[in-house]
Amino acid sequence: MISRKLIRVVLLSLVLFTAFSAYSIWTYAAENETVHADAAIVLGTKVIDGEPSPALRERIRHAVSLYEEGFVEKLIFTGGKTDGSEVAESEVSRDYAMQLNVPEEAILIETESMVTEENFLYAHEIADEYGMDNFLVVSDPLHMKRALLMAKLVGIEAHSSPTDTSIFNDFKSKLPFFARETVCYVGYVLSKAIQF
């Protein structure tokens, strides 16, 4: 039978790990590791009526600026048909980037992923096909800690390049996103620990 002391130790450890993770996510959001790389991997998010949601739009704009400023040669847009959309997030992203004058030959897409980890798995396949081996990851700042961990675990050498125009820019909008990221990060780390 599991002792109460052991239960208390496990619960305390979980609380401390969650607190440390929350602090790490919050502070890492301020990190910008933008360097020259082969490509930017742009993490997909919601599409609304065939158009990029405000969050996705800002990710695309940031990626386009990286391309225009010469930090990357290619943009890899990720994301499949989520939330019942008839078009993949990556297809919407590609079309929007082309409207911003990015040439089609500079854009690569994957249309199968449904979650962030799959974004990286399918992007990795594209990278291997085109001989690319270093990347910038584009997403919202509070998403970056978990995203970079996932990139590392699938074998992608990546640097954080969060959008500086995230729609999650005040306490009211940041708090729910921050809480969700903390839960998802802790859950992801624990699930990987159990697998090993």
C-alpha atoms as a PDB file:
ATOM      1  CA  MET A   1       0.000   0.000   0.000  1.00  0.00           C
ATOM      2  CA  ILE A   2       1.272   3.468  -0.911  1.00  0.00           C
ATOM      3  CA  SER A   3       2.068   5.493   2.182  1.00  0.00           C
ATOM      4  CA  ARG A   4       0.661   8.962   2.773  1.00  0.00           C
ATOM      5  CA  LYS A   5       4.200  10.281   3.053  1.00  0.00           C
ATOM      6  CA  LEU A   6       5.030   9.028  -0.427  1.00  0.00           C
ATOM      7  CA  ILE A   7       1.846  10.586  -1.810  1.00  0.00           C
ATOM      8  CA  ARG A   8       2.748  13.908  -0.196  1.00  0.00           C
ATOM      9  CA  VAL A   9       6.261  13.758  -1.655  1.00  0.00           C
ATOM     10  CA  VAL A  10       4.918  13.006  -5.132  1.00  0.00           C
ATOM     11  CA  LEU A  11       2.339  15.801  -4.941  1.00  0.00           C
ATOM     12  CA  LEU A  12       4.887  18.290  -3.631  1.00  0.00           C
ATOM     13  CA  SER A  13       7.288  17.320  -6.404  1.00  0.00           C
ATOM     14  CA  LEU A  14       4.564  17.831  -8.994  1.00  0.00           C
ATOM     15  CA  VAL A  15       3.652  21.253  -7.571  1.00  0.00           C
ATOM     16  CA  LEU A  16       7.306  22.334  -7.540  1.00  0.00           C
ATOM     17  CA  PHE A  17       7.899  21.053 -11.067  1.00  0.00           C
ATOM     18  CA  THR A  18       4.780  22.852 -12.300  1.00  0.00           C
ATOM     19  CA  ALA A  19       5.875  26.092 -10.641  1.00  0.00           C
ATOM     20  CA  PHE A  20       9.369  25.795 -12.123  1.00  0.00           C
ATOM     21  CA  SER A  21       7.892  25.028 -15.546  1.00  0.00           C
ATOM     22  CA  ALA A  22       5.572  28.030 -15.378  1.00  0.00           C
ATOM     23  CA  TYR A  23       8.495  30.308 -14.497  1.00  0.00           C
ATOM     24  CA  SER A  24      10.574  28.812 -17.310  1.00  0.00           C
ATOM     25  CA  ILE A  25       7.794  29.256 -19.883  1.00  0.00           C
ATOM     26  CA  TRP A  26       7.212  32.881 -18.837  1.00  0.00           C
ATOM     27  CA  THR A  27      10.889  33.864 -18.936  1.00  0.00           C
ATOM     28  CA  TYR A  28      11.669  31.946 -22.131  1.00  0.00           C
ATOM     29  CA  ALA A  29       8.911  33.881 -23.888  1.00  0.00           C
ATOM     30  CA  ALA A  30      11.186  36.927 -23.801  1.00  0.00           C
ATOM     31  CA  GLU A  31      14.024  35.070 -25.555  1.00  0.00           C
ATOM     32  CA  ASN A  32      14.691  35.794 -29.224  1.00  0.00           C
ATOM     33  CA  GLU A  33      17.384  33.622 -30.762  1.00  0.00           C
ATOM     34  CA  THR A  34      16.935  34.812 -34.353  1.00  0.00           C
ATOM     35  CA  VAL A  35      19.985  33.791 -36.378  1.00  0.00           C
ATOM     36  CA  HIS A  36      20.576  32.945 -40.023  1.00  0.00           C
ATOM     37  CA  ALA A  37      19.089  29.534 -40.800  1.00  0.00           C
ATOM     38  CA  ASP A  38      18.037  27.378 -43.718  1.00  0.00           C
ATOM     39  CA  ALA A  39      14.335  27.870 -43.081  1.00  0.00           C
ATOM     40  CA  ALA A  40      11.692  29.087 -40.694  1.00  0.00           C
ATOM     41  CA  ILE A  41       9.243  26.490 -39.427  1.00  0.00           C
ATOM     42  CA  VAL A  42       5.968  28.307 -38.852  1.00  0.00           C
ATOM     43  CA  LEU A  43       3.681  26.493 -36.443  1.00  0.00           C
ATOM     44  CA  GLY A  44       0.098  26.329 -37.579  1.00  0.00           C
ATOM     45  CA  THR A  45      -2.937  27.437 -35.670  1.00  0.00           C
ATOM     46  CA  LYS A  46      -6.606  28.092 -36.288  1.00  0.00           C
ATOM     47  CA  VAL A  47      -8.069  29.041 -39.654  1.00  0.00           C
ATOM     48  CA  ILE A  48     -11.364  30.974 -39.761  1.00  0.00           C
ATOM     49  CA  ASP A  49     -13.527  30.730 -42.889  1.00  0.00           C
ATOM     50  CA  GLY A  50     -10.531  29.932 -45.052  1.00  0.00           C
ATOM     51  CA  GLU A  51      -8.501  32.855 -43.731  1.00  0.00           C
ATOM     52  CA  PRO A  52      -5.722  32.936 -41.138  1.00  0.00           C
ATOM     53  CA  SER A  53      -6.907  33.650 -37.615  1.00  0.00           C
ATOM     54  CA  PRO A  54      -5.361  36.746 -35.999  1.00  0.00           C
ATOM     55  CA  ALA A  55      -2.778  34.558 -34.223  1.00  0.00           C
ATOM     56  CA  LEU A  56      -1.815  32.717 -37.420  1.00  0.00           C
ATOM     57  CA  ARG A  57      -1.695  35.958 -39.401  1.00  0.00           C
ATOM     58  CA  GLU A  58       0.916  37.424 -37.059  1.00  0.00           C
ATOM     59  CA  ARG A  59       3.021  34.263 -37.232  1.00  0.00           C
ATOM     60  CA  ILE A  60       2.960  34.430 -41.027  1.00  0.00           C
ATOM     61  CA  ARG A  61       3.870  38.120 -41.057  1.00  0.00           C
ATOM     62  CA  HIS A  62       6.799  37.477 -38.755  1.00  0.00           C
ATOM     63  CA  ALA A  63       8.030  34.628 -40.943  1.00  0.00           C
ATOM     64  CA  VAL A  64       7.726  36.817 -44.037  1.00  0.00           C
ATOM     65  CA  SER A  65       9.839  39.501 -42.359  1.00  0.00           C
ATOM     66  CA  LEU A  66      12.508  36.882 -41.585  1.00  0.00           C
ATOM     67  CA  TYR A  67      12.535  35.922 -45.256  1.00  0.00           C
ATOM     68  CA  GLU A  68      12.637  39.529 -46.465  1.00  0.00           C
ATOM     69  CA  GLU A  69      15.493  40.371 -44.092  1.00  0.00           C
ATOM     70  CA  GLY A  70      17.524  37.413 -45.334  1.00  0.00           C
ATOM     71  CA  PHE A  71      17.511  35.342 -42.155  1.00  0.00           C
ATOM     72  CA  VAL A  72      16.032  32.338 -43.961  1.00  0.00           C
ATOM     73  CA  GLU A  73      15.850  31.078 -47.531  1.00  0.00           C
ATOM     74  CA  LYS A  74      12.674  29.051 -47.132  1.00  0.00           C
ATOM     75  CA  LEU A  75       9.451  29.152 -45.150  1.00  0.00           C
ATOM     76  CA  ILE A  76       7.952  25.851 -44.003  1.00  0.00           C
ATOM     77  CA  PHE A  77       4.296  26.279 -43.108  1.00  0.00           C
ATOM     78  CA  THR A  78       2.728  23.531 -41.018  1.00  0.00           C
ATOM     79  CA  GLY A  79      -0.771  22.446 -40.083  1.00  0.00           C
ATOM     80  CA  GLY A  80      -3.523  20.276 -41.459  1.00  0.00           C
ATOM     81  CA  LYS A  81      -7.297  20.612 -41.571  1.00  0.00           C
ATOM     82  CA  THR A  82      -8.090  21.315 -37.928  1.00  0.00           C
ATOM     83  CA  ASP A  83     -11.301  22.436 -36.221  1.00  0.00           C
ATOM     84  CA  GLY A  84     -13.407  21.200 -39.138  1.00  0.00           C
ATOM     85  CA  SER A  85     -11.741  23.490 -41.669  1.00  0.00           C
ATOM     86  CA  GLU A  86     -11.984  22.456 -45.326  1.00  0.00           C
ATOM     87  CA  VAL A  87      -8.505  23.799 -46.032  1.00  0.00           C
ATOM     88  CA  ALA A  88      -5.221  23.083 -44.266  1.00  0.00           C
ATOM     89  CA  GLU A  89      -3.653  25.723 -42.047  1.00  0.00           C
ATOM     90  CA  SER A  90      -0.443  25.464 -44.069  1.00  0.00           C
ATOM     91  CA  GLU A  91      -2.262  26.106 -47.353  1.00  0.00           C
ATOM     92  CA  VAL A  92      -3.897  29.215 -45.921  1.00  0.00           C
ATOM     93  CA  SER A  93      -0.508  30.332 -44.595  1.00  0.00           C
ATOM     94  CA  ARG A  94       1.157  29.805 -47.974  1.00  0.00           C
ATOM     95  CA  ASP A  95      -1.518  31.783 -49.792  1.00  0.00           C
ATOM     96  CA  TYR A  96      -1.303  34.660 -47.310  1.00  0.00           C
ATOM     97  CA  ALA A  97       2.502  34.747 -47.560  1.00  0.00           C
ATOM     98  CA  MET A  98       2.258  34.875 -51.340  1.00  0.00           C
ATOM     99  CA  GLN A  99      -0.110  37.840 -51.021  1.00  0.00           C
ATOM    100  CA  LEU A 100       2.745  39.467 -49.091  1.00  0.00           C
ATOM    101  CA  ASN A 101       5.002  38.893 -52.125  1.00  0.00           C
ATOM    102  CA  VAL A 102       6.892  35.801 -50.999  1.00  0.00           C
ATOM    103  CA  PRO A 103       7.599  33.745 -54.147  1.00  0.00           C
ATOM    104  CA  GLU A 104       5.968  30.325 -54.236  1.00  0.00           C
ATOM    105  CA  GLU A 105       9.334  28.620 -54.726  1.00  0.00           C
ATOM    106  CA  ALA A 106      10.438  29.902 -51.309  1.00  0.00           C
ATOM    107  CA  ILE A 107       7.518  28.174 -49.576  1.00  0.00           C
ATOM    108  CA  LEU A 108       7.164  24.560 -48.476  1.00  0.00           C
ATOM    109  CA  ILE A 109       4.138  23.095 -46.726  1.00  0.00           C
ATOM    110  CA  GLU A 110       2.951  19.973 -44.973  1.00  0.00           C
ATOM    111  CA  THR A 111      -0.787  19.399 -44.720  1.00  0.00           C
ATOM    112  CA  GLU A 112      -1.101  16.405 -42.388  1.00  0.00           C
ATOM    113  CA  SER A 113      -0.259  17.572 -38.852  1.00  0.00           C
ATOM    114  CA  MET A 114      -2.947  18.106 -36.245  1.00  0.00           C
ATOM    115  CA  VAL A 115      -0.841  19.063 -33.194  1.00  0.00           C
ATOM    116  CA  THR A 116       2.471  20.825 -32.531  1.00  0.00           C
ATOM    117  CA  GLU A 117       4.558  17.664 -32.243  1.00  0.00           C
ATOM    118  CA  GLU A 118       3.289  16.532 -35.646  1.00  0.00           C
ATOM    119  CA  ASN A 119       4.139  19.985 -37.057  1.00  0.00           C
ATOM    120  CA  PHE A 120       7.767  19.170 -36.320  1.00  0.00           C
ATOM    121  CA  LEU A 121       7.632  15.537 -37.401  1.00  0.00           C
ATOM    122  CA  TYR A 122       6.318  16.414 -40.858  1.00  0.00           C
ATOM    123  CA  ALA A 123       8.520  19.513 -41.153  1.00  0.00           C
ATOM    124  CA  HIS A 124      11.495  17.249 -40.394  1.00  0.00           C
ATOM    125  CA  GLU A 125      10.561  15.054 -43.353  1.00  0.00           C
ATOM    126  CA  ILE A 126      10.510  18.098 -45.622  1.00  0.00           C
ATOM    127  CA  ALA A 127      13.834  19.288 -44.217  1.00  0.00           C
ATOM    128  CA  ASP A 128      15.467  15.929 -44.948  1.00  0.00           C
ATOM    129  CA  GLU A 129      14.114  15.952 -48.485  1.00  0.00           C
ATOM    130  CA  TYR A 130      15.597  19.398 -49.173  1.00  0.00           C
ATOM    131  CA  GLY A 131      18.839  18.920 -47.255  1.00  0.00           C
ATOM    132  CA  MET A 132      18.102  21.557 -44.615  1.00  0.00           C
ATOM    133  CA  ASP A 133      19.461  21.172 -41.104  1.00  0.00           C
ATOM    134  CA  ASN A 134      18.997  24.365 -39.070  1.00  0.00           C
ATOM    135  CA  PHE A 135      15.852  26.338 -38.437  1.00  0.00           C
ATOM    136  CA  LEU A 136      14.086  29.208 -36.787  1.00  0.00           C
ATOM    137  CA  VAL A 137      10.796  28.320 -35.130  1.00  0.00           C
ATOM    138  CA  VAL A 138       8.008  30.890 -35.405  1.00  0.00           C
ATOM    139  CA  SER A 139       5.106  30.948 -32.979  1.00  0.00           C
ATOM    140  CA  ASP A 140       3.707  33.043 -30.144  1.00  0.00           C
ATOM    141  CA  PRO A 141       6.190  33.814 -27.344  1.00  0.00           C
ATOM    142  CA  LEU A 142       4.472  31.728 -24.648  1.00  0.00           C
ATOM    143  CA  HIS A 143       4.397  28.728 -26.981  1.00  0.00           C
ATOM    144  CA  MET A 144       8.136  28.725 -27.603  1.00  0.00           C
ATOM    145  CA  LYS A 145       9.390  26.750 -24.584  1.00  0.00           C
ATOM    146  CA  ARG A 146       7.261  23.705 -25.372  1.00  0.00           C
ATOM    147  CA  ALA A 147       7.775  24.084 -29.120  1.00  0.00           C
ATOM    148  CA  LEU A 148      11.569  24.127 -28.880  1.00  0.00           C
ATOM    149  CA  LEU A 149      11.528  21.083 -26.609  1.00  0.00           C
ATOM    150  CA  MET A 150       9.421  19.209 -29.148  1.00  0.00           C
ATOM    151  CA  ALA A 151      11.725  20.271 -31.981  1.00  0.00           C
ATOM    152  CA  LYS A 152      14.745  18.975 -30.065  1.00  0.00           C
ATOM    153  CA  LEU A 153      13.113  15.631 -29.314  1.00  0.00           C
ATOM    154  CA  VAL A 154      12.332  14.979 -32.987  1.00  0.00           C
ATOM    155  CA  GLY A 155      15.907  15.850 -33.966  1.00  0.00           C
ATOM    156  CA  ILE A 156      15.504  19.381 -35.285  1.00  0.00           C
ATOM    157  CA  GLU A 157      18.223  21.943 -34.601  1.00  0.00           C
ATOM    158  CA  ALA A 158      16.123  25.024 -33.959  1.00  0.00           C
ATOM    159  CA  HIS A 159      16.234  28.515 -32.523  1.00  0.00           C
ATOM    160  CA  SER A 160      13.401  30.566 -31.091  1.00  0.00           C
ATOM    161  CA  SER A 161      12.057  33.444 -33.177  1.00  0.00           C
ATOM    162  CA  PRO A 162       8.740  34.427 -31.570  1.00  0.00           C
ATOM    163  CA  THR A 163       6.469  36.906 -33.232  1.00  0.00           C
ATOM    164  CA  ASP A 164       6.722  40.322 -31.617  1.00  0.00           C
ATOM    165  CA  THR A 165       3.166  41.160 -32.663  1.00  0.00           C
ATOM    166  CA  SER A 166       1.404  38.307 -30.894  1.00  0.00           C
ATOM    167  CA  ILE A 167      -2.278  38.898 -30.236  1.00  0.00           C
ATOM    168  CA  PHE A 168      -1.616  37.618 -26.717  1.00  0.00           C
ATOM    169  CA  ASN A 169      -0.177  40.942 -25.633  1.00  0.00           C
ATOM    170  CA  ASP A 170      -1.923  41.912 -22.398  1.00  0.00           C
ATOM    171  CA  PHE A 171      -2.536  40.186 -19.091  1.00  0.00           C
ATOM    172  CA  LYS A 172      -6.143  39.272 -19.907  1.00  0.00           C
ATOM    173  CA  SER A 173      -5.199  37.468 -23.112  1.00  0.00           C
ATOM    174  CA  LYS A 174      -1.876  36.085 -21.866  1.00  0.00           C
ATOM    175  CA  LEU A 175      -3.197  34.426 -18.717  1.00  0.00           C
ATOM    176  CA  PRO A 176      -5.360  31.692 -20.332  1.00  0.00           C
ATOM    177  CA  PHE A 177      -2.650  30.975 -22.916  1.00  0.00           C
ATOM    178  CA  PHE A 178      -0.003  30.849 -20.181  1.00  0.00           C
ATOM    179  CA  ALA A 179      -2.092  28.488 -18.044  1.00  0.00           C
ATOM    180  CA  ARG A 180      -2.758  26.192 -21.003  1.00  0.00           C
ATOM    181  CA  GLU A 181       0.912  26.138 -21.994  1.00  0.00           C
ATOM    182  CA  THR A 182       1.965  25.308 -18.449  1.00  0.00           C
ATOM    183  CA  VAL A 183      -0.431  22.351 -18.282  1.00  0.00           C
ATOM    184  CA  CYS A 184       0.558  21.159 -21.765  1.00  0.00           C
ATOM    185  CA  TYR A 185       4.281  21.515 -21.062  1.00  0.00           C
ATOM    186  CA  VAL A 186       4.096  19.618 -17.765  1.00  0.00           C
ATOM    187  CA  GLY A 187       1.945  16.922 -19.348  1.00  0.00           C
ATOM    188  CA  TYR A 188       4.300  16.580 -22.305  1.00  0.00           C
ATOM    189  CA  VAL A 189       7.436  16.308 -20.148  1.00  0.00           C
ATOM    190  CA  LEU A 190       5.832  13.758 -17.825  1.00  0.00           C
ATOM    191  CA  SER A 191       4.539  11.687 -20.736  1.00  0.00           C
ATOM    192  CA  LYS A 192       8.030  11.551 -22.243  1.00  0.00           C
ATOM    193  CA  ALA A 193       9.541  10.667 -18.863  1.00  0.00           C
ATOM    194  CA  ILE A 194       7.110   7.764 -18.487  1.00  0.00           C
ATOM    195  CA  GLN A 195       8.014   6.481 -21.969  1.00  0.00           C
ATOM    196  CA  PHE A 196      11.661   6.249 -20.950  1.00  0.00           C
END
